[in-house]
Amino acid sequence: MVEIASLLAAYLAFALLHAARPERVPFGIASRLRGGRAWRIAARVLAAVSFSLSVALWRRTEAGPAAYLVPFAALLCAASLFVLLAPLWPRAAWGLALLCPPAVAALSFAGACHG
């Protein structure tokens, strides 16, 4: 469970990094974010926090270099998935990004309860 939470946190990190440029955000949201420099900074900070969470969650399952290499590989796979999926099915790509925070919290809690 913690492993899936780590992978979802990496997906969320790239989605936030992708959303730091308002013109990449679909559904008419870009017009509200276009002038805000605070959004760009907040999105990048949240992306760094989400990726740090991904590394921290993976460190609970593995030790050593794998604890750092696997989240980086997950981030690269999530980036590829997002970049390929977003133009074809933007609702699916961004919908999954919106579902990631509660899913990460629930899976982390379930993983903590079950060992």
PDB file of N, CA and C in Angstrom:
ATOM      1  N   MET A   1       0.814  -1.186   0.000  1.00  0.00           N
ATOM      2  CA  MET A   1       0.000   0.000   0.000  1.00  0.00           C
ATOM      3  C   MET A   1       0.863   1.259   0.000  1.00  0.00           C
ATOM      4  N   VAL A   2       1.935   1.220   0.773  1.00  0.00           N
ATOM      5  CA  VAL A   2       2.816   2.374   0.845  1.00  0.00           C
ATOM      6  C   VAL A   2       3.524   2.580  -0.497  1.00  0.00           C
ATOM      7  N   GLU A   3       3.809   1.487  -1.189  1.00  0.00           N
ATOM      8  CA  GLU A   3       4.473   1.599  -2.485  1.00  0.00           C
ATOM      9  C   GLU A   3       3.583   2.312  -3.497  1.00  0.00           C
ATOM     10  N   ILE A   4       2.301   1.972  -3.504  1.00  0.00           N
ATOM     11  CA  ILE A   4       1.368   2.626  -4.423  1.00  0.00           C
ATOM     12  C   ILE A   4       1.218   4.101  -4.045  1.00  0.00           C
ATOM     13  N   ALA A   5       1.185   4.389  -2.764  1.00  0.00           N
ATOM     14  CA  ALA A   5       1.114   5.783  -2.319  1.00  0.00           C
ATOM     15  C   ALA A   5       2.343   6.558  -2.786  1.00  0.00           C
ATOM     16  N   SER A   6       3.500   5.923  -2.753  1.00  0.00           N
ATOM     17  CA  SER A   6       4.725   6.568  -3.220  1.00  0.00           C
ATOM     18  C   SER A   6       4.661   6.861  -4.710  1.00  0.00           C
ATOM     19  N   LEU A   7       4.156   5.916  -5.485  1.00  0.00           N
ATOM     20  CA  LEU A   7       4.036   6.125  -6.929  1.00  0.00           C
ATOM     21  C   LEU A   7       3.027   7.224  -7.247  1.00  0.00           C
ATOM     22  N   LEU A   8       1.922   7.266  -6.528  1.00  0.00           N
ATOM     23  CA  LEU A   8       0.930   8.326  -6.740  1.00  0.00           C
ATOM     24  C   LEU A   8       1.483   9.693  -6.337  1.00  0.00           C
ATOM     25  N   ALA A   9       2.311   9.729  -5.302  1.00  0.00           N
ATOM     26  CA  ALA A   9       2.933  10.995  -4.909  1.00  0.00           C
ATOM     27  C   ALA A   9       3.891  11.482  -5.994  1.00  0.00           C
ATOM     28  N   ALA A  10       4.592  10.568  -6.649  1.00  0.00           N
ATOM     29  CA  ALA A  10       5.468  10.960  -7.766  1.00  0.00           C
ATOM     30  C   ALA A  10       4.640  11.477  -8.939  1.00  0.00           C
ATOM     31  N   TYR A  11       3.501  10.853  -9.223  1.00  0.00           N
ATOM     32  CA  TYR A  11       2.612  11.317 -10.290  1.00  0.00           C
ATOM     33  C   TYR A  11       2.100  12.725  -9.969  1.00  0.00           C
ATOM     34  N   LEU A  12       1.695  12.928  -8.723  1.00  0.00           N
ATOM     35  CA  LEU A  12       1.211  14.241  -8.306  1.00  0.00           C
ATOM     36  C   LEU A  12       2.311  15.290  -8.404  1.00  0.00           C
ATOM     37  N   ALA A  13       3.542  14.905  -8.073  1.00  0.00           N
ATOM     38  CA  ALA A  13       4.658  15.849  -8.159  1.00  0.00           C
ATOM     39  C   ALA A  13       4.841  16.334  -9.592  1.00  0.00           C
ATOM     40  N   PHE A  14       4.794  15.417 -10.551  1.00  0.00           N
ATOM     41  CA  PHE A  14       4.956  15.877 -11.935  1.00  0.00           C
ATOM     42  C   PHE A  14       3.751  16.670 -12.405  1.00  0.00           C
ATOM     43  N   ALA A  15       2.556  16.287 -11.999  1.00  0.00           N
ATOM     44  CA  ALA A  15       1.368  17.046 -12.398  1.00  0.00           C
ATOM     45  C   ALA A  15       1.443  18.477 -11.879  1.00  0.00           C
ATOM     46  N   LEU A  16       1.904  18.634 -10.652  1.00  0.00           N
ATOM     47  CA  LEU A  16       2.059  19.991 -10.101  1.00  0.00           C
ATOM     48  C   LEU A  16       3.159  20.758 -10.820  1.00  0.00           C
ATOM     49  N   LEU A  17       4.237  20.082 -11.142  1.00  0.00           N
ATOM     50  CA  LEU A  17       5.320  20.735 -11.877  1.00  0.00           C
ATOM     51  C   LEU A  17       4.844  21.139 -13.273  1.00  0.00           C
ATOM     52  N   HIS A  18       4.038  20.298 -13.883  1.00  0.00           N
ATOM     53  CA  HIS A  18       3.469  20.596 -15.194  1.00  0.00           C
ATOM     54  C   HIS A  18       2.487  21.771 -15.092  1.00  0.00           C
ATOM     55  N   ALA A  19       1.749  21.829 -14.008  1.00  0.00           N
ATOM     56  CA  ALA A  19       0.758  22.892 -13.827  1.00  0.00           C
ATOM     57  C   ALA A  19       1.381  24.213 -13.401  1.00  0.00           C
ATOM     58  N   ALA A  20       2.672  24.235 -13.136  1.00  0.00           N
ATOM     59  CA  ALA A  20       3.326  25.488 -12.760  1.00  0.00           C
ATOM     60  C   ALA A  20       3.299  26.488 -13.912  1.00  0.00           C
ATOM     61  N   ARG A  21       3.154  25.992 -15.131  1.00  0.00           N
ATOM     62  CA  ARG A  21       2.965  26.861 -16.288  1.00  0.00           C
ATOM     63  C   ARG A  21       1.466  26.920 -16.570  1.00  0.00           C
ATOM     64  N   PRO A  22       0.800  28.021 -16.279  1.00  0.00           N
ATOM     65  CA  PRO A  22      -0.664  28.090 -16.381  1.00  0.00           C
ATOM     66  C   PRO A  22      -1.219  27.760 -17.763  1.00  0.00           C
ATOM     67  N   GLU A  23      -0.464  28.009 -18.815  1.00  0.00           N
ATOM     68  CA  GLU A  23      -0.989  27.719 -20.152  1.00  0.00           C
ATOM     69  C   GLU A  23      -1.115  26.218 -20.411  1.00  0.00           C
ATOM     70  N   ARG A  24      -0.512  25.390 -19.571  1.00  0.00           N
ATOM     71  CA  ARG A  24      -0.621  23.940 -19.721  1.00  0.00           C
ATOM     72  C   ARG A  24      -1.843  23.368 -19.012  1.00  0.00           C
ATOM     73  N   VAL A  25      -2.488  24.170 -18.197  1.00  0.00           N
ATOM     74  CA  VAL A  25      -3.642  23.697 -17.434  1.00  0.00           C
ATOM     75  C   VAL A  25      -4.898  23.895 -18.276  1.00  0.00           C
ATOM     76  N   PRO A  26      -5.664  22.829 -18.536  1.00  0.00           N
ATOM     77  CA  PRO A  26      -6.856  22.960 -19.383  1.00  0.00           C
ATOM     78  C   PRO A  26      -8.081  23.427 -18.600  1.00  0.00           C
ATOM     79  N   PHE A  27      -9.205  23.389 -19.263  1.00  0.00           N
ATOM     80  CA  PHE A  27     -10.523  23.618 -18.687  1.00  0.00           C
ATOM     81  C   PHE A  27     -10.767  25.060 -18.256  1.00  0.00           C
ATOM     82  N   GLY A  28     -10.122  26.037 -18.891  1.00  0.00           N
ATOM     83  CA  GLY A  28     -10.375  27.434 -18.586  1.00  0.00           C
ATOM     84  C   GLY A  28      -9.796  27.936 -17.276  1.00  0.00           C
ATOM     85  N   ILE A  29      -9.026  27.122 -16.610  1.00  0.00           N
ATOM     86  CA  ILE A  29      -8.420  27.530 -15.340  1.00  0.00           C
ATOM     87  C   ILE A  29      -7.227  28.439 -15.588  1.00  0.00           C
ATOM     88  N   ALA A  30      -6.616  28.296 -16.759  1.00  0.00           N
ATOM     89  CA  ALA A  30      -5.410  29.054 -17.058  1.00  0.00           C
ATOM     90  C   ALA A  30      -5.651  30.560 -17.032  1.00  0.00           C
ATOM     91  N   SER A  31      -6.833  31.014 -17.422  1.00  0.00           N
ATOM     92  CA  SER A  31      -7.096  32.449 -17.440  1.00  0.00           C
ATOM     93  C   SER A  31      -7.061  33.036 -16.030  1.00  0.00           C
ATOM     94  N   ARG A  32      -7.433  32.247 -15.035  1.00  0.00           N
ATOM     95  CA  ARG A  32      -7.403  32.735 -13.654  1.00  0.00           C
ATOM     96  C   ARG A  32      -5.995  32.687 -13.060  1.00  0.00           C
ATOM     97  N   LEU A  33      -5.173  31.780 -13.560  1.00  0.00           N
ATOM     98  CA  LEU A  33      -3.834  31.610 -12.991  1.00  0.00           C
ATOM     99  C   LEU A  33      -2.756  32.359 -13.751  1.00  0.00           C
ATOM    100  N   ARG A  34      -3.069  32.874 -14.909  1.00  0.00           N
ATOM    101  CA  ARG A  34      -2.058  33.432 -15.794  1.00  0.00           C
ATOM    102  C   ARG A  34      -1.259  34.573 -15.161  1.00  0.00           C
ATOM    103  N   GLY A  35      -1.890  35.452 -14.444  1.00  0.00           N
ATOM    104  CA  GLY A  35      -1.184  36.591 -13.881  1.00  0.00           C
ATOM    105  C   GLY A  35      -0.523  36.311 -12.542  1.00  0.00           C
ATOM    106  N   GLY A  36      -0.809  35.184 -11.951  1.00  0.00           N
ATOM    107  CA  GLY A  36      -0.327  34.926 -10.600  1.00  0.00           C
ATOM    108  C   GLY A  36       1.035  34.268 -10.550  1.00  0.00           C
ATOM    109  N   ARG A  37       2.012  35.025 -10.111  1.00  0.00           N
ATOM    110  CA  ARG A  37       3.349  34.457  -9.927  1.00  0.00           C
ATOM    111  C   ARG A  37       3.361  33.544  -8.701  1.00  0.00           C
ATOM    112  N   ALA A  38       2.475  33.840  -7.769  1.00  0.00           N
ATOM    113  CA  ALA A  38       2.390  33.029  -6.555  1.00  0.00           C
ATOM    114  C   ALA A  38       1.988  31.591  -6.889  1.00  0.00           C
ATOM    115  N   TRP A  39       1.148  31.412  -7.912  1.00  0.00           N
ATOM    116  CA  TRP A  39       0.749  30.059  -8.306  1.00  0.00           C
ATOM    117  C   TRP A  39       1.955  29.244  -8.783  1.00  0.00           C
ATOM    118  N   ARG A  40       2.804  29.880  -9.586  1.00  0.00           N
ATOM    119  CA  ARG A  40       3.975  29.165 -10.106  1.00  0.00           C
ATOM    120  C   ARG A  40       4.890  28.714  -8.977  1.00  0.00           C
ATOM    121  N   ILE A  41       5.109  29.599  -8.038  1.00  0.00           N
ATOM    122  CA  ILE A  41       5.980  29.269  -6.904  1.00  0.00           C
ATOM    123  C   ILE A  41       5.334  28.199  -6.039  1.00  0.00           C
ATOM    124  N   ALA A  42       4.048  28.351  -5.755  1.00  0.00           N
ATOM    125  CA  ALA A  42       3.344  27.371  -4.919  1.00  0.00           C
ATOM    126  C   ALA A  42       3.308  26.001  -5.583  1.00  0.00           C
ATOM    127  N   ALA A  43       3.086  25.954  -6.892  1.00  0.00           N
ATOM    128  CA  ALA A  43       3.041  24.666  -7.592  1.00  0.00           C
ATOM    129  C   ALA A  43       4.392  23.971  -7.544  1.00  0.00           C
ATOM    130  N   ARG A  44       5.462  24.729  -7.707  1.00  0.00           N
ATOM    131  CA  ARG A  44       6.807  24.128  -7.654  1.00  0.00           C
ATOM    132  C   ARG A  44       7.154  23.659  -6.251  1.00  0.00           C
ATOM    133  N   VAL A  45       6.776  24.435  -5.255  1.00  0.00           N
ATOM    134  CA  VAL A  45       7.041  24.025  -3.870  1.00  0.00           C
ATOM    135  C   VAL A  45       6.240  22.776  -3.522  1.00  0.00           C
ATOM    136  N   LEU A  46       4.970  22.747  -3.913  1.00  0.00           N
ATOM    137  CA  LEU A  46       4.147  21.564  -3.655  1.00  0.00           C
ATOM    138  C   LEU A  46       4.657  20.343  -4.413  1.00  0.00           C
ATOM    139  N   ALA A  47       5.200  20.554  -5.611  1.00  0.00           N
ATOM    140  CA  ALA A  47       5.785  19.443  -6.360  1.00  0.00           C
ATOM    141  C   ALA A  47       7.006  18.890  -5.627  1.00  0.00           C
ATOM    142  N   ALA A  48       7.836  19.770  -5.088  1.00  0.00           N
ATOM    143  CA  ALA A  48       9.005  19.307  -4.329  1.00  0.00           C
ATOM    144  C   ALA A  48       8.582  18.569  -3.066  1.00  0.00           C
ATOM    145  N   VAL A  49       7.552  19.070  -2.396  1.00  0.00           N
ATOM    146  CA  VAL A  49       7.046  18.402  -1.197  1.00  0.00           C
ATOM    147  C   VAL A  49       6.464  17.036  -1.545  1.00  0.00           C
ATOM    148  N   SER A  50       5.718  16.972  -2.644  1.00  0.00           N
ATOM    149  CA  SER A  50       5.120  15.701  -3.052  1.00  0.00           C
ATOM    150  C   SER A  50       6.198  14.681  -3.423  1.00  0.00           C
ATOM    151  N   PHE A  51       7.244  15.126  -4.108  1.00  0.00           N
ATOM    152  CA  PHE A  51       8.317  14.190  -4.457  1.00  0.00           C
ATOM    153  C   PHE A  51       9.093  13.763  -3.215  1.00  0.00           C
ATOM    154  N   SER A  52       9.286  14.674  -2.285  1.00  0.00           N
ATOM    155  CA  SER A  52       9.940  14.304  -1.022  1.00  0.00           C
ATOM    156  C   SER A  52       9.103  13.289  -0.260  1.00  0.00           C
ATOM    157  N   LEU A  53       7.798  13.444  -0.315  1.00  0.00           N
ATOM    158  CA  LEU A  53       6.907  12.467   0.300  1.00  0.00           C
ATOM    159  C   LEU A  53       7.031  11.108  -0.384  1.00  0.00           C
ATOM    160  N   SER A  54       7.174  11.124  -1.702  1.00  0.00           N
ATOM    161  CA  SER A  54       7.353   9.882  -2.443  1.00  0.00           C
ATOM    162  C   SER A  54       8.623   9.161  -2.001  1.00  0.00           C
ATOM    163  N   VAL A  55       9.700   9.902  -1.852  1.00  0.00           N
ATOM    164  CA  VAL A  55      10.967   9.301  -1.394  1.00  0.00           C
ATOM    165  C   VAL A  55      10.825   8.793   0.037  1.00  0.00           C
ATOM    166  N   ALA A  56      10.199   9.578   0.886  1.00  0.00           N
ATOM    167  CA  ALA A  56      10.041   9.170   2.290  1.00  0.00           C
ATOM    168  C   ALA A  56       9.171   7.921   2.413  1.00  0.00           C
ATOM    169  N   LEU A  57       8.123   7.837   1.608  1.00  0.00           N
ATOM    170  CA  LEU A  57       7.269   6.645   1.653  1.00  0.00           C
ATOM    171  C   LEU A  57       8.013   5.421   1.152  1.00  0.00           C
ATOM    172  N   TRP A  58       8.807   5.599   0.116  1.00  0.00           N
ATOM    173  CA  TRP A  58       9.540   4.438  -0.412  1.00  0.00           C
ATOM    174  C   TRP A  58      10.635   3.991   0.545  1.00  0.00           C
ATOM    175  N   ARG A  59      11.180   4.920   1.313  1.00  0.00           N
ATOM    176  CA  ARG A  59      12.220   4.557   2.293  1.00  0.00           C
ATOM    177  C   ARG A  59      11.655   3.674   3.395  1.00  0.00           C
ATOM    178  N   ARG A  60      10.336   3.691   3.571  1.00  0.00           N
ATOM    179  CA  ARG A  60       9.726   2.814   4.574  1.00  0.00           C
ATOM    180  C   ARG A  60       9.745   1.363   4.129  1.00  0.00           C
ATOM    181  N   THR A  61       9.849   1.127   2.827  1.00  0.00           N
ATOM    182  CA  THR A  61       9.810  -0.241   2.324  1.00  0.00           C
ATOM    183  C   THR A  61      11.177  -0.781   1.946  1.00  0.00           C
ATOM    184  N   GLU A  62      12.095   0.084   1.532  1.00  0.00           N
ATOM    185  CA  GLU A  62      13.418  -0.371   1.124  1.00  0.00           C
ATOM    186  C   GLU A  62      14.474   0.527   1.737  1.00  0.00           C
ATOM    187  N   ALA A  63      15.656  -0.017   1.859  1.00  0.00           N
ATOM    188  CA  ALA A  63      16.773   0.753   2.399  1.00  0.00           C
ATOM    189  C   ALA A  63      17.836   0.898   1.319  1.00  0.00           C
ATOM    190  N   GLY A  64      18.751   1.783   1.569  1.00  0.00           N
ATOM    191  CA  GLY A  64      19.880   1.945   0.670  1.00  0.00           C
ATOM    192  C   GLY A  64      19.552   2.729  -0.578  1.00  0.00           C
ATOM    193  N   PRO A  65      20.341   2.500  -1.620  1.00  0.00           N
ATOM    194  CA  PRO A  65      20.170   3.276  -2.856  1.00  0.00           C
ATOM    195  C   PRO A  65      18.828   3.065  -3.539  1.00  0.00           C
ATOM    196  N   ALA A  66      18.230   1.894  -3.374  1.00  0.00           N
ATOM    197  CA  ALA A  66      16.936   1.640  -4.012  1.00  0.00           C
ATOM    198  C   ALA A  66      15.856   2.586  -3.488  1.00  0.00           C
ATOM    199  N   ALA A  67      16.002   2.999  -2.250  1.00  0.00           N
ATOM    200  CA  ALA A  67      15.017   3.916  -1.669  1.00  0.00           C
ATOM    201  C   ALA A  67      15.037   5.269  -2.375  1.00  0.00           C
ATOM    202  N   TYR A  68      16.141   5.603  -3.021  1.00  0.00           N
ATOM    203  CA  TYR A  68      16.225   6.868  -3.750  1.00  0.00           C
ATOM    204  C   TYR A  68      16.044   6.678  -5.254  1.00  0.00           C
ATOM    205  N   LEU A  69      16.491   5.546  -5.784  1.00  0.00           N
ATOM    206  CA  LEU A  69      16.411   5.338  -7.222  1.00  0.00           C
ATOM    207  C   LEU A  69      14.989   5.036  -7.691  1.00  0.00           C
ATOM    208  N   VAL A  70      14.246   4.281  -6.926  1.00  0.00           N
ATOM    209  CA  VAL A  70      12.894   3.900  -7.345  1.00  0.00           C
ATOM    210  C   VAL A  70      11.971   5.123  -7.465  1.00  0.00           C
ATOM    211  N   PRO A  71      11.966   6.062  -6.514  1.00  0.00           N
ATOM    212  CA  PRO A  71      11.110   7.241  -6.715  1.00  0.00           C
ATOM    213  C   PRO A  71      11.504   8.086  -7.932  1.00  0.00           C
ATOM    214  N   PHE A  72      12.799   8.156  -8.240  1.00  0.00           N
ATOM    215  CA  PHE A  72      13.206   8.887  -9.449  1.00  0.00           C
ATOM    216  C   PHE A  72      12.705   8.182 -10.704  1.00  0.00           C
ATOM    217  N   ALA A  73      12.795   6.854 -10.733  1.00  0.00           N
ATOM    218  CA  ALA A  73      12.254   6.101 -11.865  1.00  0.00           C
ATOM    219  C   ALA A  73      10.732   6.264 -11.936  1.00  0.00           C
ATOM    220  N   ALA A  74      10.080   6.273 -10.791  1.00  0.00           N
ATOM    221  CA  ALA A  74       8.624   6.482 -10.759  1.00  0.00           C
ATOM    222  C   ALA A  74       8.262   7.863 -11.282  1.00  0.00           C
ATOM    223  N   LEU A  75       9.070   8.861 -10.938  1.00  0.00           N
ATOM    224  CA  LEU A  75       8.820  10.216 -11.428  1.00  0.00           C
ATOM    225  C   LEU A  75       8.970  10.269 -12.941  1.00  0.00           C
ATOM    226  N   LEU A  76       9.986   9.596 -13.474  1.00  0.00           N
ATOM    227  CA  LEU A  76      10.176   9.584 -14.919  1.00  0.00           C
ATOM    228  C   LEU A  76       9.027   8.860 -15.625  1.00  0.00           C
ATOM    229  N   CYS A  77       8.586   7.755 -15.070  1.00  0.00           N
ATOM    230  CA  CYS A  77       7.453   7.029 -15.664  1.00  0.00           C
ATOM    231  C   CYS A  77       6.167   7.841 -15.558  1.00  0.00           C
ATOM    232  N   ALA A  78       5.967   8.495 -14.431  1.00  0.00           N
ATOM    233  CA  ALA A  78       4.777   9.332 -14.262  1.00  0.00           C
ATOM    234  C   ALA A  78       4.797  10.505 -15.236  1.00  0.00           C
ATOM    235  N   ALA A  79       5.976  11.079 -15.450  1.00  0.00           N
ATOM    236  CA  ALA A  79       6.096  12.184 -16.398  1.00  0.00           C
ATOM    237  C   ALA A  79       5.765  11.716 -17.810  1.00  0.00           C
ATOM    238  N   SER A  80       6.271  10.562 -18.191  1.00  0.00           N
ATOM    239  CA  SER A  80       5.969  10.026 -19.521  1.00  0.00           C
ATOM    240  C   SER A  80       4.478   9.746 -19.670  1.00  0.00           C
ATOM    241  N   LEU A  81       3.899   9.127 -18.657  1.00  0.00           N
ATOM    242  CA  LEU A  81       2.473   8.833 -18.693  1.00  0.00           C
ATOM    243  C   LEU A  81       1.648  10.112 -18.797  1.00  0.00           C
ATOM    244  N   PHE A  82       1.997  11.104 -18.011  1.00  0.00           N
ATOM    245  CA  PHE A  82       1.241  12.345 -17.993  1.00  0.00           C
ATOM    246  C   PHE A  82       1.357  13.076 -19.320  1.00  0.00           C
ATOM    247  N   VAL A  83       2.572  13.160 -19.858  1.00  0.00           N
ATOM    248  CA  VAL A  83       2.780  13.894 -21.105  1.00  0.00           C
ATOM    249  C   VAL A  83       2.087  13.194 -22.273  1.00  0.00           C
ATOM    250  N   LEU A  84       2.065  11.860 -22.253  1.00  0.00           N
ATOM    251  CA  LEU A  84       1.390  11.135 -23.322  1.00  0.00           C
ATOM    252  C   LEU A  84      -0.125  11.126 -23.158  1.00  0.00           C
ATOM    253  N   LEU A  85      -0.599  11.100 -21.929  1.00  0.00           N
ATOM    254  CA  LEU A  85      -2.027  10.993 -21.665  1.00  0.00           C
ATOM    255  C   LEU A  85      -2.757  12.338 -21.709  1.00  0.00           C
ATOM    256  N   ALA A  86      -2.102  13.402 -21.283  1.00  0.00           N
ATOM    257  CA  ALA A  86      -2.769  14.702 -21.161  1.00  0.00           C
ATOM    258  C   ALA A  86      -3.335  15.237 -22.480  1.00  0.00           C
ATOM    259  N   PRO A  87      -2.626  15.134 -23.600  1.00  0.00           N
ATOM    260  CA  PRO A  87      -3.245  15.636 -24.837  1.00  0.00           C
ATOM    261  C   PRO A  87      -4.423  14.790 -25.321  1.00  0.00           C
ATOM    262  N   LEU A  88      -4.392  13.483 -25.056  1.00  0.00           N
ATOM    263  CA  LEU A  88      -5.454  12.608 -25.539  1.00  0.00           C
ATOM    264  C   LEU A  88      -6.679  12.625 -24.626  1.00  0.00           C
ATOM    265  N   TRP A  89      -6.437  12.452 -23.348  1.00  0.00           N
ATOM    266  CA  TRP A  89      -7.518  12.420 -22.350  1.00  0.00           C
ATOM    267  C   TRP A  89      -7.164  13.343 -21.186  1.00  0.00           C
ATOM    268  N   PRO A  90      -7.350  14.642 -21.363  1.00  0.00           N
ATOM    269  CA  PRO A  90      -6.956  15.564 -20.285  1.00  0.00           C
ATOM    270  C   PRO A  90      -7.751  15.352 -18.997  1.00  0.00           C
ATOM    271  N   ARG A  91      -9.006  14.963 -19.117  1.00  0.00           N
ATOM    272  CA  ARG A  91      -9.801  14.732 -17.901  1.00  0.00           C
ATOM    273  C   ARG A  91      -9.254  13.558 -17.105  1.00  0.00           C
ATOM    274  N   ALA A  92      -8.778  12.540 -17.784  1.00  0.00           N
ATOM    275  CA  ALA A  92      -8.206  11.384 -17.085  1.00  0.00           C
ATOM    276  C   ALA A  92      -6.892  11.756 -16.408  1.00  0.00           C
ATOM    277  N   ALA A  93      -6.035  12.486 -17.115  1.00  0.00           N
ATOM    278  CA  ALA A  93      -4.733  12.853 -16.560  1.00  0.00           C
ATOM    279  C   ALA A  93      -4.883  13.776 -15.349  1.00  0.00           C
ATOM    280  N   TRP A  94      -5.694  14.818 -15.496  1.00  0.00           N
ATOM    281  CA  TRP A  94      -5.868  15.760 -14.393  1.00  0.00           C
ATOM    282  C   TRP A  94      -6.778  15.201 -13.314  1.00  0.00           C
ATOM    283  N   GLY A  95      -7.718  14.352 -13.690  1.00  0.00           N
ATOM    284  CA  GLY A  95      -8.580  13.715 -12.685  1.00  0.00           C
ATOM    285  C   GLY A  95      -7.777  12.813 -11.763  1.00  0.00           C
ATOM    286  N   LEU A  96      -6.856  12.045 -12.347  1.00  0.00           N
ATOM    287  CA  LEU A  96      -5.982  11.213 -11.520  1.00  0.00           C
ATOM    288  C   LEU A  96      -5.117  12.073 -10.609  1.00  0.00           C
ATOM    289  N   ALA A  97      -4.663  13.209 -11.123  1.00  0.00           N
ATOM    290  CA  ALA A  97      -3.859  14.119 -10.285  1.00  0.00           C
ATOM    291  C   ALA A  97      -4.687  14.664  -9.121  1.00  0.00           C
ATOM    292  N   LEU A  98      -5.971  14.929  -9.352  1.00  0.00           N
ATOM    293  CA  LEU A  98      -6.832  15.417  -8.272  1.00  0.00           C
ATOM    294  C   LEU A  98      -7.148  14.328  -7.250  1.00  0.00           C
ATOM    295  N   LEU A  99      -7.168  13.084  -7.690  1.00  0.00           N
ATOM    296  CA  LEU A  99      -7.436  11.974  -6.776  1.00  0.00           C
ATOM    297  C   LEU A  99      -6.200  11.545  -5.986  1.00  0.00           C
ATOM    298  N   CYS A 100      -5.035  11.984  -6.403  1.00  0.00           N
ATOM    299  CA  CYS A 100      -3.792  11.538  -5.750  1.00  0.00           C
ATOM    300  C   CYS A 100      -3.675  11.937  -4.276  1.00  0.00           C
ATOM    301  N   PRO A 101      -3.935  13.194  -3.874  1.00  0.00           N
ATOM    302  CA  PRO A 101      -3.735  13.525  -2.456  1.00  0.00           C
ATOM    303  C   PRO A 101      -4.563  12.686  -1.488  1.00  0.00           C
ATOM    304  N   PRO A 102      -5.888  12.522  -1.710  1.00  0.00           N
ATOM    305  CA  PRO A 102      -6.609  11.659  -0.763  1.00  0.00           C
ATOM    306  C   PRO A 102      -6.190  10.199  -0.861  1.00  0.00           C
ATOM    307  N   ALA A 103      -5.831   9.747  -2.062  1.00  0.00           N
ATOM    308  CA  ALA A 103      -5.395   8.356  -2.214  1.00  0.00           C
ATOM    309  C   ALA A 103      -4.062   8.124  -1.511  1.00  0.00           C
ATOM    310  N   VAL A 104      -3.144   9.077  -1.606  1.00  0.00           N
ATOM    311  CA  VAL A 104      -1.851   8.947  -0.926  1.00  0.00           C
ATOM    312  C   VAL A 104      -2.058   8.907   0.580  1.00  0.00           C
ATOM    313  N   ALA A 105      -2.922   9.777   1.080  1.00  0.00           N
ATOM    314  CA  ALA A 105      -3.182   9.792   2.523  1.00  0.00           C
ATOM    315  C   ALA A 105      -3.820   8.485   2.984  1.00  0.00           C
ATOM    316  N   ALA A 106      -4.814   8.008   2.247  1.00  0.00           N
ATOM    317  CA  ALA A 106      -5.507   6.778   2.644  1.00  0.00           C
ATOM    318  C   ALA A 106      -4.587   5.562   2.556  1.00  0.00           C
ATOM    319  N   LEU A 107      -3.823   5.459   1.474  1.00  0.00           N
ATOM    320  CA  LEU A 107      -2.927   4.318   1.318  1.00  0.00           C
ATOM    321  C   LEU A 107      -1.775   4.357   2.318  1.00  0.00           C
ATOM    322  N   SER A 108      -1.287   5.542   2.629  1.00  0.00           N
ATOM    323  CA  SER A 108      -0.227   5.655   3.634  1.00  0.00           C
ATOM    324  C   SER A 108      -0.738   5.233   4.997  1.00  0.00           C
ATOM    325  N   PHE A 109      -1.945   5.670   5.330  1.00  0.00           N
ATOM    326  CA  PHE A 109      -2.527   5.288   6.613  1.00  0.00           C
ATOM    327  C   PHE A 109      -2.782   3.786   6.668  1.00  0.00           C
ATOM    328  N   ALA A 110      -3.312   3.230   5.568  1.00  0.00           N
ATOM    329  CA  ALA A 110      -3.566   1.787   5.545  1.00  0.00           C
ATOM    330  C   ALA A 110      -2.265   0.993   5.625  1.00  0.00           C
ATOM    331  N   GLY A 111      -1.235   1.484   4.959  1.00  0.00           N
ATOM    332  CA  GLY A 111       0.062   0.808   5.034  1.00  0.00           C
ATOM    333  C   GLY A 111       0.691   0.898   6.402  1.00  0.00           C
ATOM    334  N   ALA A 112       0.465   2.021   7.077  1.00  0.00           N
ATOM    335  CA  ALA A 112       1.004   2.175   8.438  1.00  0.00           C
ATOM    336  C   ALA A 112       0.286   1.272   9.417  1.00  0.00           C
ATOM    337  N   CYS A 113      -0.998   1.045   9.177  1.00  0.00           N
ATOM    338  CA  CYS A 113      -1.772   0.188  10.095  1.00  0.00           C
ATOM    339  C   CYS A 113      -1.470  -1.290   9.905  1.00  0.00           C
ATOM    340  N   HIS A 114      -1.106  -1.657   8.668  1.00  0.00           N
ATOM    341  CA  HIS A 114      -0.901  -3.074   8.380  1.00  0.00           C
ATOM    342  C   HIS A 114       0.562  -3.498   8.368  1.00  0.00           C
ATOM    343  N   GLY A 115       1.431  -2.595   8.723  1.00  0.00           N
ATOM    344  CA  GLY A 115       2.830  -2.979   8.802  1.00  0.00           C
ATOM    345  C   GLY A 115       3.545  -2.548   7.629  1.00  0.00           C
TER     346      GLY A 115
END
